[in-house]
PDB file of N, CA and C in Angstrom:
ATOM      1  N   UNK A   1     219.157 119.057 270.030  1.00  0.00           N
ATOM      2  CA  UNK A   1     218.871 117.651 269.826  1.00  0.00           C
ATOM      3  C   UNK A   1     218.781 116.968 271.189  1.00  0.00           C
ATOM      4  N   UNK A   2     217.822 116.088 271.346  1.00  0.00           N
ATOM      5  CA  UNK A   2     217.649 115.395 272.612  1.00  0.00           C
ATOM      6  C   UNK A   2     218.825 114.471 272.878  1.00  0.00           C
ATOM      7  N   UNK A   3     219.206 114.389 274.131  1.00  0.00           N
ATOM      8  CA  UNK A   3     220.316 113.520 274.503  1.00  0.00           C
ATOM      9  C   UNK A   3     219.885 112.060 274.393  1.00  0.00           C
ATOM     10  N   UNK A   4     220.738 111.261 273.802  1.00  0.00           N
ATOM     11  CA  UNK A   4     220.454 109.841 273.639  1.00  0.00           C
ATOM     12  C   UNK A   4     220.996 109.094 274.846  1.00  0.00           C
ATOM     13  N   UNK A   5     220.192 108.246 275.411  1.00  0.00           N
ATOM     14  CA  UNK A   5     220.622 107.441 276.551  1.00  0.00           C
ATOM     15  C   UNK A   5     220.883 106.025 276.071  1.00  0.00           C
ATOM     16  N   UNK A   6     221.795 105.361 276.762  1.00  0.00           N
ATOM     17  CA  UNK A   6     222.115 103.977 276.434  1.00  0.00           C
ATOM     18  C   UNK A   6     220.841 103.146 276.477  1.00  0.00           C
ATOM     19  N   UNK A   7     220.660 102.315 275.504  1.00  0.00           N
ATOM     20  CA  UNK A   7     219.501 101.446 275.459  1.00  0.00           C
ATOM     21  C   UNK A   7     218.323 101.987 274.676  1.00  0.00           C
ATOM     22  N   UNK A   8     218.356 103.255 274.298  1.00  0.00           N
ATOM     23  CA  UNK A   8     217.252 103.822 273.528  1.00  0.00           C
ATOM     24  C   UNK A   8     217.231 103.164 272.148  1.00  0.00           C
ATOM     25  N   UNK A   9     216.070 102.719 271.693  1.00  0.00           N
ATOM     26  CA  UNK A   9     216.001 102.064 270.387  1.00  0.00           C
ATOM     27  C   UNK A   9     216.373 103.025 269.251  1.00  0.00           C
ATOM     28  N   UNK A  10     216.908 102.444 268.195  1.00  0.00           N
ATOM     29  CA  UNK A  10     217.201 103.235 266.995  1.00  0.00           C
ATOM     30  C   UNK A  10     215.901 103.504 266.256  1.00  0.00           C
ATOM     31  N   UNK A  11     215.807 104.692 265.689  1.00  0.00           N
ATOM     32  CA  UNK A  11     214.630 105.018 264.885  1.00  0.00           C
ATOM     33  C   UNK A  11     214.829 104.475 263.468  1.00  0.00           C
ATOM     34  N   UNK A  12     213.746 104.346 262.755  1.00  0.00           N
ATOM     35  CA  UNK A  12     213.811 103.874 261.371  1.00  0.00           C
ATOM     36  C   UNK A  12     214.696 104.785 260.540  1.00  0.00           C
ATOM     37  N   UNK A  13     214.610 106.084 260.770  1.00  0.00           N
ATOM     38  CA  UNK A  13     215.409 107.043 259.998  1.00  0.00           C
ATOM     39  C   UNK A  13     216.906 106.867 260.246  1.00  0.00           C
ATOM     40  N   UNK A  14     217.269 106.446 261.458  1.00  0.00           N
ATOM     41  CA  UNK A  14     218.686 106.293 261.792  1.00  0.00           C
ATOM     42  C   UNK A  14     219.330 105.092 261.116  1.00  0.00           C
ATOM     43  N   UNK A  15     218.536 104.138 260.650  1.00  0.00           N
ATOM     44  CA  UNK A  15     219.100 102.920 260.075  1.00  0.00           C
ATOM     45  C   UNK A  15     218.802 102.767 258.586  1.00  0.00           C
ATOM     46  N   UNK A  16     218.503 103.886 257.936  1.00  0.00           N
ATOM     47  CA  UNK A  16     218.196 103.843 256.503  1.00  0.00           C
ATOM     48  C   UNK A  16     219.428 103.766 255.615  1.00  0.00           C
ATOM     49  N   UNK A  17     220.566 104.239 256.110  1.00  0.00           N
ATOM     50  CA  UNK A  17     221.774 104.268 255.284  1.00  0.00           C
ATOM     51  C   UNK A  17     223.009 104.142 256.170  1.00  0.00           C
ATOM     52  N   UNK A  18     224.117 103.785 255.545  1.00  0.00           N
ATOM     53  CA  UNK A  18     225.361 103.625 256.288  1.00  0.00           C
ATOM     54  C   UNK A  18     225.807 104.929 256.941  1.00  0.00           C
ATOM     55  N   UNK A  19     225.652 106.043 256.237  1.00  0.00           N
ATOM     56  CA  UNK A  19     226.088 107.311 256.836  1.00  0.00           C
ATOM     57  C   UNK A  19     225.221 107.680 258.033  1.00  0.00           C
ATOM     58  N   UNK A  20     223.930 107.395 257.982  1.00  0.00           N
ATOM     59  CA  UNK A  20     223.059 107.676 259.131  1.00  0.00           C
ATOM     60  C   UNK A  20     223.376 106.743 260.292  1.00  0.00           C
ATOM     61  N   UNK A  21     223.653 105.477 259.977  1.00  0.00           N
ATOM     62  CA  UNK A  21     224.032 104.529 261.026  1.00  0.00           C
ATOM     63  C   UNK A  21     225.300 105.021 261.718  1.00  0.00           C
ATOM     64  N   UNK A  22     226.277 105.445 260.918  1.00  0.00           N
ATOM     65  CA  UNK A  22     227.542 105.900 261.503  1.00  0.00           C
ATOM     66  C   UNK A  22     227.329 107.120 262.401  1.00  0.00           C
ATOM     67  N   UNK A  23     226.530 108.069 261.938  1.00  0.00           N
ATOM     68  CA  UNK A  23     226.259 109.271 262.755  1.00  0.00           C
ATOM     69  C   UNK A  23     225.554 108.900 264.057  1.00  0.00           C
ATOM     70  N   UNK A  24     224.530 108.058 263.964  1.00  0.00           N
ATOM     71  CA  UNK A  24     223.765 107.679 265.151  1.00  0.00           C
ATOM     72  C   UNK A  24     224.633 106.885 266.124  1.00  0.00           C
ATOM     73  N   UNK A  25     225.403 105.939 265.592  1.00  0.00           N
ATOM     74  CA  UNK A  25     226.285 105.152 266.465  1.00  0.00           C
ATOM     75  C   UNK A  25     227.329 106.029 267.126  1.00  0.00           C
ATOM     76  N   UNK A  26     227.944 106.916 266.358  1.00  0.00           N
ATOM     77  CA  UNK A  26     228.982 107.785 266.908  1.00  0.00           C
ATOM     78  C   UNK A  26     228.433 108.614 268.060  1.00  0.00           C
ATOM     79  N   UNK A  27     227.256 109.191 267.871  1.00  0.00           N
ATOM     80  CA  UNK A  27     226.656 110.012 268.927  1.00  0.00           C
ATOM     81  C   UNK A  27     226.369 109.181 270.167  1.00  0.00           C
ATOM     82  N   UNK A  28     225.829 107.993 269.989  1.00  0.00           N
ATOM     83  CA  UNK A  28     225.502 107.143 271.135  1.00  0.00           C
ATOM     84  C   UNK A  28     226.761 106.652 271.844  1.00  0.00           C
ATOM     85  N   UNK A  29     227.767 106.304 271.075  1.00  0.00           N
ATOM     86  CA  UNK A  29     229.028 105.842 271.670  1.00  0.00           C
ATOM     87  C   UNK A  29     229.686 106.972 272.444  1.00  0.00           C
ATOM     88  N   UNK A  30     229.709 108.165 271.854  1.00  0.00           N
ATOM     89  CA  UNK A  30     230.282 109.312 272.561  1.00  0.00           C
ATOM     90  C   UNK A  30     229.525 109.593 273.857  1.00  0.00           C
ATOM     91  N   UNK A  31     228.205 109.546 273.811  1.00  0.00           N
ATOM     92  CA  UNK A  31     227.401 109.757 275.016  1.00  0.00           C
ATOM     93  C   UNK A  31     227.745 108.729 276.081  1.00  0.00           C
ATOM     94  N   UNK A  32     227.847 107.465 275.673  1.00  0.00           N
ATOM     95  CA  UNK A  32     228.137 106.387 276.631  1.00  0.00           C
ATOM     96  C   UNK A  32     229.534 106.561 277.241  1.00  0.00           C
ATOM     97  N   UNK A  33     230.511 106.873 276.413  1.00  0.00           N
ATOM     98  CA  UNK A  33     231.880 107.053 276.909  1.00  0.00           C
ATOM     99  C   UNK A  33     231.962 108.275 277.823  1.00  0.00           C
ATOM    100  N   UNK A  34     231.259 109.348 277.462  1.00  0.00           N
ATOM    101  CA  UNK A  34     231.228 110.525 278.341  1.00  0.00           C
ATOM    102  C   UNK A  34     230.578 110.196 279.678  1.00  0.00           C
ATOM    103  N   UNK A  35     229.524 109.396 279.667  1.00  0.00           N
ATOM    104  CA  UNK A  35     228.889 108.974 280.918  1.00  0.00           C
ATOM    105  C   UNK A  35     229.876 108.195 281.782  1.00  0.00           C
ATOM    106  N   UNK A  36     230.617 107.292 281.167  1.00  0.00           N
ATOM    107  CA  UNK A  36     231.614 106.522 281.919  1.00  0.00           C
ATOM    108  C   UNK A  36     232.696 107.436 282.474  1.00  0.00           C
ATOM    109  N   UNK A  37     233.130 108.385 281.674  1.00  0.00           N
ATOM    110  CA  UNK A  37     234.175 109.310 282.093  1.00  0.00           C
ATOM    111  C   UNK A  37     233.704 110.163 283.270  1.00  0.00           C
ATOM    112  N   UNK A  38     232.450 110.604 283.233  1.00  0.00           N
ATOM    113  CA  UNK A  38     231.908 111.423 284.324  1.00  0.00           C
ATOM    114  C   UNK A  38     231.758 110.623 285.608  1.00  0.00           C
ATOM    115  N   UNK A  39     231.651 109.313 285.469  1.00  0.00           N
ATOM    116  CA  UNK A  39     231.605 108.451 286.645  1.00  0.00           C
ATOM    117  C   UNK A  39     233.006 108.224 287.200  1.00  0.00           C
ATOM    118  N   UNK A  40     233.973 108.891 286.601  1.00  0.00           N
ATOM    119  CA  UNK A  40     235.367 108.843 287.034  1.00  0.00           C
ATOM    120  C   UNK A  40     235.992 107.455 286.881  1.00  0.00           C
ATOM    121  N   UNK A  41     235.437 106.674 285.944  1.00  0.00           N
ATOM    122  CA  UNK A  41     236.038 105.381 285.665  1.00  0.00           C
ATOM    123  C   UNK A  41     237.126 105.576 284.621  1.00  0.00           C
ATOM    124  N   UNK A  42     238.256 104.901 284.793  1.00  0.00           N
ATOM    125  CA  UNK A  42     239.276 105.001 283.753  1.00  0.00           C
ATOM    126  C   UNK A  42     238.750 104.361 282.463  1.00  0.00           C
ATOM    127  N   UNK A  43     239.006 105.020 281.355  1.00  0.00           N
ATOM    128  CA  UNK A  43     238.501 104.539 280.075  1.00  0.00           C
ATOM    129  C   UNK A  43     239.694 104.185 279.196  1.00  0.00           C
ATOM    130  N   UNK A  44     239.849 102.914 278.961  1.00  0.00           N
ATOM    131  CA  UNK A  44     240.943 102.439 278.122  1.00  0.00           C
ATOM    132  C   UNK A  44     240.437 102.030 276.757  1.00  0.00           C
ATOM    133  N   UNK A  45     241.362 101.672 275.911  1.00  0.00           N
ATOM    134  CA  UNK A  45     241.027 101.253 274.549  1.00  0.00           C
ATOM    135  C   UNK A  45     240.105 100.040 274.577  1.00  0.00           C
ATOM    136  N   UNK A  46     240.382  99.108 275.467  1.00  0.00           N
ATOM    137  CA  UNK A  46     239.561  97.903 275.555  1.00  0.00           C
ATOM    138  C   UNK A  46     238.112  98.239 275.900  1.00  0.00           C
ATOM    139  N   UNK A  47     237.936  99.162 276.837  1.00  0.00           N
ATOM    140  CA  UNK A  47     236.578  99.557 277.226  1.00  0.00           C
ATOM    141  C   UNK A  47     235.880 100.308 276.091  1.00  0.00           C
ATOM    142  N   UNK A  48     236.614 101.172 275.392  1.00  0.00           N
ATOM    143  CA  UNK A  48     236.018 101.867 274.238  1.00  0.00           C
ATOM    144  C   UNK A  48     235.612 100.860 273.165  1.00  0.00           C
ATOM    145  N   UNK A  49     236.468  99.876 272.911  1.00  0.00           N
ATOM    146  CA  UNK A  49     236.142  98.846 271.921  1.00  0.00           C
ATOM    147  C   UNK A  49     234.910  98.052 272.324  1.00  0.00           C
ATOM    148  N   UNK A  50     234.760  97.804 273.620  1.00  0.00           N
ATOM    149  CA  UNK A  50     233.588  97.087 274.114  1.00  0.00           C
ATOM    150  C   UNK A  50     232.316  97.911 273.881  1.00  0.00           C
ATOM    151  N   UNK A  51     232.377  99.205 274.156  1.00  0.00           N
ATOM    152  CA  UNK A  51     231.223 100.087 273.928  1.00  0.00           C
ATOM    153  C   UNK A  51     230.867 100.087 272.434  1.00  0.00           C
ATOM    154  N   UNK A  52     231.871 100.185 271.582  1.00  0.00           N
ATOM    155  CA  UNK A  52     231.642 100.200 270.130  1.00  0.00           C
ATOM    156  C   UNK A  52     231.022  98.878 269.679  1.00  0.00           C
ATOM    157  N   UNK A  53     231.586  97.766 270.143  1.00  0.00           N
ATOM    158  CA  UNK A  53     231.074  96.446 269.765  1.00  0.00           C
ATOM    159  C   UNK A  53     229.634  96.261 270.226  1.00  0.00           C
ATOM    160  N   UNK A  54     229.339  96.664 271.450  1.00  0.00           N
ATOM    161  CA  UNK A  54     227.970  96.540 271.961  1.00  0.00           C
ATOM    162  C   UNK A  54     226.993  97.375 271.140  1.00  0.00           C
ATOM    163  N   UNK A  55     227.409  98.583 270.787  1.00  0.00           N
ATOM    164  CA  UNK A  55     226.526  99.450 270.000  1.00  0.00           C
ATOM    165  C   UNK A  55     226.335  98.894 268.594  1.00  0.00           C
ATOM    166  N   UNK A  56     227.380  98.310 268.027  1.00  0.00           N
ATOM    167  CA  UNK A  56     227.280  97.701 266.693  1.00  0.00           C
ATOM    168  C   UNK A  56     226.270  96.558 266.715  1.00  0.00           C
ATOM    169  N   UNK A  57     226.287  95.751 267.765  1.00  0.00           N
ATOM    170  CA  UNK A  57     225.308  94.668 267.889  1.00  0.00           C
ATOM    171  C   UNK A  57     223.891  95.223 267.985  1.00  0.00           C
ATOM    172  N   UNK A  58     223.729  96.315 268.729  1.00  0.00           N
ATOM    173  CA  UNK A  58     222.406  96.933 268.859  1.00  0.00           C
ATOM    174  C   UNK A  58     221.902  97.461 267.519  1.00  0.00           C
ATOM    175  N   UNK A  59     222.788  98.102 266.746  1.00  0.00           N
ATOM    176  CA  UNK A  59     222.346  98.656 265.461  1.00  0.00           C
ATOM    177  C   UNK A  59     222.027  97.527 264.480  1.00  0.00           C
ATOM    178  N   UNK A  60     222.802  96.458 264.493  1.00  0.00           N
ATOM    179  CA  UNK A  60     222.504  95.334 263.600  1.00  0.00           C
ATOM    180  C   UNK A  60     221.148  94.720 263.930  1.00  0.00           C
ATOM    181  N   UNK A  61     220.857  94.583 265.206  1.00  0.00           N
ATOM    182  CA  UNK A  61     219.561  94.045 265.606  1.00  0.00           C
ATOM    183  C   UNK A  61     218.427  94.979 265.176  1.00  0.00           C
ATOM    184  N   UNK A  62     218.647  96.281 265.303  1.00  0.00           N
ATOM    185  CA  UNK A  62     217.635  97.248 264.863  1.00  0.00           C
ATOM    186  C   UNK A  62     217.385  97.137 263.366  1.00  0.00           C
ATOM    187  N   UNK A  63     218.449  96.972 262.605  1.00  0.00           N
ATOM    188  CA  UNK A  63     218.301  96.830 261.151  1.00  0.00           C
ATOM    189  C   UNK A  63     217.563  95.542 260.832  1.00  0.00           C
ATOM    190  N   UNK A  64     217.977  94.456 261.466  1.00  0.00           N
ATOM    191  CA  UNK A  64     217.347  93.152 261.192  1.00  0.00           C
ATOM    192  C   UNK A  64     215.862  93.148 261.519  1.00  0.00           C
ATOM    193  N   UNK A  65     215.467  93.859 262.552  1.00  0.00           N
ATOM    194  CA  UNK A  65     214.072  93.829 262.974  1.00  0.00           C
ATOM    195  C   UNK A  65     213.212  94.908 262.310  1.00  0.00           C
ATOM    196  N   UNK A  66     213.809  95.715 261.457  1.00  0.00           N
ATOM    197  CA  UNK A  66     213.034  96.783 260.820  1.00  0.00           C
ATOM    198  C   UNK A  66     212.177  96.232 259.678  1.00  0.00           C
ATOM    199  N   UNK A  67     211.011  96.817 259.457  1.00  0.00           N
ATOM    200  CA  UNK A  67     210.155  96.393 258.341  1.00  0.00           C
ATOM    201  C   UNK A  67     210.864  96.530 256.988  1.00  0.00           C
ATOM    202  N   UNK A  68     211.665  97.559 256.825  1.00  0.00           N
ATOM    203  CA  UNK A  68     212.386  97.755 255.551  1.00  0.00           C
ATOM    204  C   UNK A  68     213.367  96.621 255.315  1.00  0.00           C
ATOM    205  N   UNK A  69     214.032  96.163 256.374  1.00  0.00           N
ATOM    206  CA  UNK A  69     214.977  95.053 256.227  1.00  0.00           C
ATOM    207  C   UNK A  69     214.248  93.766 255.862  1.00  0.00           C
ATOM    208  N   UNK A  70     213.125  93.524 256.502  1.00  0.00           N
ATOM    209  CA  UNK A  70     212.355  92.314 256.166  1.00  0.00           C
ATOM    210  C   UNK A  70     211.901  92.345 254.716  1.00  0.00           C
ATOM    211  N   UNK A  71     211.447  93.511 254.256  1.00  0.00           N
ATOM    212  CA  UNK A  71     211.001  93.638 252.865  1.00  0.00           C
ATOM    213  C   UNK A  71     212.171  93.452 251.895  1.00  0.00           C
ATOM    214  N   UNK A  72     213.312  94.046 252.205  1.00  0.00           N
ATOM    215  CA  UNK A  72     214.496  93.895 251.343  1.00  0.00           C
ATOM    216  C   UNK A  72     214.948  92.444 251.300  1.00  0.00           C
ATOM    217  N   UNK A  73     214.922  91.764 252.445  1.00  0.00           N
ATOM    218  CA  UNK A  73     215.324  90.366 252.478  1.00  0.00           C
ATOM    219  C   UNK A  73     214.349  89.512 251.680  1.00  0.00           C
ATOM    220  N   UNK A  74     213.071  89.815 251.788  1.00  0.00           N
ATOM    221  CA  UNK A  74     212.056  89.078 251.010  1.00  0.00           C
ATOM    222  C   UNK A  74     212.309  89.239 249.510  1.00  0.00           C
ATOM    223  N   UNK A  75     212.599  90.455 249.067  1.00  0.00           N
ATOM    224  CA  UNK A  75     212.892  90.689 247.648  1.00  0.00           C
ATOM    225  C   UNK A  75     214.151  89.939 247.220  1.00  0.00           C
ATOM    226  N   UNK A  76     215.168  89.946 248.091  1.00  0.00           N
ATOM    227  CA  UNK A  76     216.393  89.202 247.810  1.00  0.00           C
ATOM    228  C   UNK A  76     216.085  87.709 247.653  1.00  0.00           C
ATOM    229  N   UNK A  77     215.296  87.168 248.575  1.00  0.00           N
ATOM    230  CA  UNK A  77     214.935  85.753 248.499  1.00  0.00           C
ATOM    231  C   UNK A  77     214.154  85.440 247.234  1.00  0.00           C
ATOM    232  N   UNK A  78     213.192  86.277 246.892  1.00  0.00           N
ATOM    233  CA  UNK A  78     212.402  86.065 245.677  1.00  0.00           C
ATOM    234  C   UNK A  78     213.291  86.035 244.446  1.00  0.00           C
ATOM    235  N   UNK A  79     214.217  86.974 244.362  1.00  0.00           N
ATOM    236  CA  UNK A  79     215.125  87.046 243.213  1.00  0.00           C
ATOM    237  C   UNK A  79     216.031  85.811 243.162  1.00  0.00           C
ATOM    238  N   UNK A  80     216.585  85.428 244.300  1.00  0.00           N
ATOM    239  CA  UNK A  80     217.485  84.281 244.363  1.00  0.00           C
ATOM    240  C   UNK A  80     216.757  82.988 244.018  1.00  0.00           C
ATOM    241  N   UNK A  81     215.578  82.813 244.580  1.00  0.00           N
ATOM    242  CA  UNK A  81     214.791  81.612 244.310  1.00  0.00           C
ATOM    243  C   UNK A  81     214.404  81.556 242.841  1.00  0.00           C
ATOM    244  N   UNK A  82     213.972  82.673 242.295  1.00  0.00           N
ATOM    245  CA  UNK A  82     213.592  82.732 240.886  1.00  0.00           C
ATOM    246  C   UNK A  82     214.765  82.360 239.978  1.00  0.00           C
ATOM    247  N   UNK A  83     215.949  82.880 240.300  1.00  0.00           N
ATOM    248  CA  UNK A  83     217.139  82.558 239.506  1.00  0.00           C
ATOM    249  C   UNK A  83     217.458  81.069 239.563  1.00  0.00           C
ATOM    250  N   UNK A  84     217.318  80.468 240.725  1.00  0.00           N
ATOM    251  CA  UNK A  84     217.593  79.034 240.872  1.00  0.00           C
ATOM    252  C   UNK A  84     216.572  78.194 240.103  1.00  0.00           C
ATOM    253  N   UNK A  85     215.305  78.580 240.174  1.00  0.00           N
ATOM    254  CA  UNK A  85     214.268  77.850 239.439  1.00  0.00           C
ATOM    255  C   UNK A  85     214.506  77.985 237.937  1.00  0.00           C
ATOM    256  N   UNK A  86     214.819  79.205 237.460  1.00  0.00           N
ATOM    257  CA  UNK A  86     215.115  79.405 236.036  1.00  0.00           C
ATOM    258  C   UNK A  86     216.266  78.532 235.580  1.00  0.00           C
ATOM    259  N   UNK A  87     217.303  78.436 236.390  1.00  0.00           N
ATOM    260  CA  UNK A  87     218.469  77.617 236.060  1.00  0.00           C
ATOM    261  C   UNK A  87     218.075  76.151 235.935  1.00  0.00           C
ATOM    262  N   UNK A  88     217.313  75.663 236.893  1.00  0.00           N
ATOM    263  CA  UNK A  88     216.868  74.271 236.841  1.00  0.00           C
ATOM    264  C   UNK A  88     215.996  74.017 235.612  1.00  0.00           C
ATOM    265  N   UNK A  89     215.124  74.966 235.304  1.00  0.00           N
ATOM    266  CA  UNK A  89     214.243  74.793 234.143  1.00  0.00           C
ATOM    267  C   UNK A  89     215.048  74.767 232.848  1.00  0.00           C
ATOM    268  N   UNK A  90     216.059  75.626 232.729  1.00  0.00           N
ATOM    269  CA  UNK A  90     216.907  75.624 231.527  1.00  0.00           C
ATOM    270  C   UNK A  90     217.657  74.301 231.393  1.00  0.00           C
ATOM    271  N   UNK A  91     218.197  73.826 232.508  1.00  0.00           N
ATOM    272  CA  UNK A  91     218.990  72.605 232.488  1.00  0.00           C
ATOM    273  C   UNK A  91     218.156  71.372 232.139  1.00  0.00           C
ATOM    274  N   UNK A  92     216.901  71.363 232.521  1.00  0.00           N
ATOM    275  CA  UNK A  92     216.083  70.164 232.343  1.00  0.00           C
ATOM    276  C   UNK A  92     214.849  70.400 231.492  1.00  0.00           C
ATOM    277  N   UNK A  93     214.915  71.441 230.664  1.00  0.00           N
ATOM    278  CA  UNK A  93     213.777  71.812 229.832  1.00  0.00           C
ATOM    279  C   UNK A  93     213.387  70.695 228.873  1.00  0.00           C
ATOM    280  N   UNK A  94     214.367  70.098 228.213  1.00  0.00           N
ATOM    281  CA  UNK A  94     214.076  69.055 227.233  1.00  0.00           C
ATOM    282  C   UNK A  94     213.337  67.887 227.881  1.00  0.00           C
ATOM    283  N   UNK A  95     213.783  67.465 229.035  1.00  0.00           N
ATOM    284  CA  UNK A  95     213.122  66.354 229.722  1.00  0.00           C
ATOM    285  C   UNK A  95     211.689  66.715 230.084  1.00  0.00           C
ATOM    286  N   UNK A  96     211.498  67.923 230.617  1.00  0.00           N
ATOM    287  CA  UNK A  96     210.152  68.338 231.000  1.00  0.00           C
ATOM    288  C   UNK A  96     209.242  68.457 229.776  1.00  0.00           C
ATOM    289  N   UNK A  97     209.779  68.973 228.664  1.00  0.00           N
ATOM    290  CA  UNK A  97     208.976  69.075 227.428  1.00  0.00           C
ATOM    291  C   UNK A  97     208.588  67.683 226.940  1.00  0.00           C
ATOM    292  N   UNK A  98     209.496  66.715 227.058  1.00  0.00           N
ATOM    293  CA  UNK A  98     209.165  65.355 226.626  1.00  0.00           C
ATOM    294  C   UNK A  98     208.079  64.728 227.499  1.00  0.00           C
ATOM    295  N   UNK A  99     207.872  65.284 228.658  1.00  0.00           N
ATOM    296  CA  UNK A  99     206.831  64.796 229.559  1.00  0.00           C
ATOM    297  C   UNK A  99     205.542  65.617 229.447  1.00  0.00           C
ATOM    298  N   UNK A 100     205.498  66.526 228.454  1.00  0.00           N
ATOM    299  CA  UNK A 100     204.269  67.255 228.175  1.00  0.00           C
ATOM    300  C   UNK A 100     204.190  68.666 228.732  1.00  0.00           C
ATOM    301  N   UNK A 101     205.241  69.162 229.331  1.00  0.00           N
ATOM    302  CA  UNK A 101     205.210  70.531 229.839  1.00  0.00           C
ATOM    303  C   UNK A 101     205.382  71.477 228.655  1.00  0.00           C
ATOM    304  N   UNK A 102     204.508  72.489 228.567  1.00  0.00           N
ATOM    305  CA  UNK A 102     204.560  73.447 227.478  1.00  0.00           C
ATOM    306  C   UNK A 102     205.130  74.766 227.972  1.00  0.00           C
ATOM    307  N   UNK A 103     205.539  75.615 227.034  1.00  0.00           N
ATOM    308  CA  UNK A 103     206.173  76.898 227.386  1.00  0.00           C
ATOM    309  C   UNK A 103     205.241  77.774 228.208  1.00  0.00           C
ATOM    310  N   UNK A 104     204.014  77.990 227.710  1.00  0.00           N
ATOM    311  CA  UNK A 104     203.052  78.831 228.418  1.00  0.00           C
ATOM    312  C   UNK A 104     201.690  78.144 228.396  1.00  0.00           C
ATOM    313  N   UNK A 105     200.960  78.307 229.493  1.00  0.00           N
ATOM    314  CA  UNK A 105     199.628  77.705 229.561  1.00  0.00           C
ATOM    315  C   UNK A 105     198.630  78.643 228.883  1.00  0.00           C
ATOM    316  N   UNK A 106     197.516  78.083 228.526  1.00  0.00           N
ATOM    317  CA  UNK A 106     196.483  78.874 227.847  1.00  0.00           C
ATOM    318  C   UNK A 106     195.707  79.714 228.769  1.00  0.00           C
TER     319      UNK A 106
END
């Protein structure tokens, strides 16, 4: 497997599921920490947490910018909006019918 370098973008396949995200993040975090260790820098818990936090931000951005995420969010919005419109129509159906709105158009 090719070595992953810090800053390399996540592939679509790496962000398809939580288990793939975890595997990809773990490999990248380990690579980054090993690079720091080889530079003979002391590596403490705080520094490891910083590497993890930075990588988590990178993976979230990759997910947010993926076409699959945009499509999933669009479907979520459509469903949510539809539910809200249905609720409003049920609540005010009688008033709208009294104003001439019919169930289905011809």
